[in-house]
Amino acid sequence: QLPLSIFPATRMTREQFPILDTITDGTANHAFFVEDVENDPGIDPMTREFMRASQIAAGVSVNLKRGDNWLGALALNWNSPVEMPDDFRQLIQAIIPH
């Protein structure tokens, strides 16, 4: 197995990536859905530019926490806008630990 340290990393501060405050809102695990980065009013300009540079046009982010401890996050990204129907959203919500 390859150690993760060999892969390139991007480190950003909260000030450089303001959407983190929305994604990591509160203590509960939850999903954050973006069907179209270019037209979502919840995406700030810095995040929109980062997502463009990363070729992300749509995505889902899921917080994974146990109590106050961060376990990680799950991210699903698409390179074009996508419609996320209710059944897809329900499936994502169903896998979130409660």
Protein backbone atom coordinates (compact mmCIF):
# COMPACT_ATOMS: atom_id res chain seq x y z
CA GLN A 1 0.00 0.00 0.00
CA LEU A 2 1.11 3.52 -0.71
CA PRO A 3 1.27 5.95 2.21
CA LEU A 4 -1.09 8.93 1.84
CA SER A 5 1.87 11.27 2.40
CA ILE A 6 3.09 10.66 -1.17
CA PHE A 7 -0.03 12.24 -2.67
CA PRO A 8 -0.22 15.98 -3.27
CA ALA A 9 -2.12 17.94 -0.64
CA THR A 10 -3.89 21.26 -0.65
CA ARG A 11 -4.25 23.06 2.63
CA MET A 12 -6.64 25.96 2.97
CA THR A 13 -7.68 28.09 5.92
CA ARG A 14 -11.33 28.69 6.84
CA GLU A 15 -10.93 32.23 5.51
CA GLN A 16 -9.88 30.84 2.12
CA PHE A 17 -12.71 28.27 2.05
CA PRO A 18 -15.74 29.90 3.75
CA ILE A 19 -18.15 27.15 2.69
CA LEU A 20 -16.60 25.00 5.45
CA ASP A 21 -18.72 26.88 7.98
CA THR A 22 -21.84 25.69 6.14
CA ILE A 23 -20.59 22.17 5.54
CA THR A 24 -19.46 21.70 9.15
CA ASP A 25 -22.44 23.49 10.70
CA GLY A 26 -23.34 22.24 14.17
CA THR A 27 -22.40 19.02 15.89
CA ALA A 28 -24.74 16.66 14.08
CA ASN A 29 -23.81 14.64 11.03
CA HIS A 30 -25.53 15.98 7.95
CA ALA A 31 -25.24 16.13 4.17
CA PHE A 32 -24.66 19.25 2.08
CA PHE A 33 -25.92 19.00 -1.51
CA VAL A 34 -24.87 21.21 -4.45
CA GLU A 35 -26.45 20.38 -7.82
CA ASP A 36 -24.85 23.24 -9.76
CA VAL A 37 -21.87 25.11 -8.35
CA GLU A 38 -22.21 27.99 -10.82
CA ASN A 39 -25.83 28.74 -9.87
CA ASP A 40 -26.08 27.76 -6.22
CA PRO A 41 -26.58 30.92 -4.12
CA GLY A 42 -25.05 29.17 -1.10
CA ILE A 43 -21.65 28.91 -2.77
CA ASP A 44 -19.39 31.88 -2.03
CA PRO A 45 -17.07 33.29 -4.76
CA MET A 46 -13.86 31.80 -3.28
CA THR A 47 -15.37 28.34 -3.03
CA ARG A 48 -16.85 28.63 -6.52
CA GLU A 49 -13.41 29.50 -7.93
CA PHE A 50 -11.77 26.61 -6.04
CA MET A 51 -14.41 24.20 -7.33
CA ARG A 52 -13.97 25.46 -10.90
CA ALA A 53 -10.21 24.95 -10.64
CA SER A 54 -10.86 21.45 -9.29
CA GLN A 55 -13.36 20.77 -12.09
CA ILE A 56 -16.18 20.19 -9.60
CA ALA A 57 -19.59 21.26 -10.93
CA ALA A 58 -21.76 19.44 -8.38
CA GLY A 59 -21.23 17.55 -5.16
CA VAL A 60 -22.34 16.12 -1.87
CA SER A 61 -20.41 16.45 1.36
CA VAL A 62 -21.27 14.38 4.44
CA ASN A 63 -19.92 15.15 7.91
CA LEU A 64 -18.79 12.12 9.86
CA LYS A 65 -18.61 12.90 13.57
CA ARG A 66 -19.00 10.92 16.75
CA GLY A 67 -20.02 13.32 19.48
CA ASP A 68 -17.57 16.23 19.27
CA ASN A 69 -14.91 14.14 17.50
CA TRP A 70 -14.38 14.44 13.76
CA LEU A 71 -13.99 11.07 12.06
CA GLY A 72 -13.80 12.53 8.57
CA ALA A 73 -15.98 13.49 5.65
CA LEU A 74 -17.39 11.79 2.61
CA ALA A 75 -17.39 13.77 -0.64
CA LEU A 76 -18.99 12.81 -3.94
CA ASN A 77 -18.19 15.15 -6.82
CA TRP A 78 -19.27 15.45 -10.45
CA ASN A 79 -17.63 17.39 -13.29
CA SER A 80 -20.99 18.60 -14.61
CA PRO A 81 -24.18 19.79 -12.88
CA VAL A 82 -26.50 16.99 -11.79
CA GLU A 83 -30.04 16.70 -10.52
CA MET A 84 -30.20 15.02 -7.14
CA PRO A 85 -33.70 13.56 -6.80
CA ASP A 86 -35.33 12.91 -3.44
CA ASP A 87 -34.55 9.17 -3.52
CA PHE A 88 -30.82 9.92 -3.97
CA ARG A 89 -30.90 12.44 -1.13
CA GLN A 90 -32.74 9.95 1.09
CA LEU A 91 -30.11 7.30 0.32
CA ILE A 92 -27.30 9.68 1.33
CA GLN A 93 -29.20 10.68 4.49
CA ALA A 94 -29.68 6.98 5.34
CA ILE A 95 -25.95 6.28 5.44
CA ILE A 96 -25.20 9.14 7.85
CA PRO A 97 -24.42 7.85 11.36
CA HIS A 98 -26.91 9.17 13.92
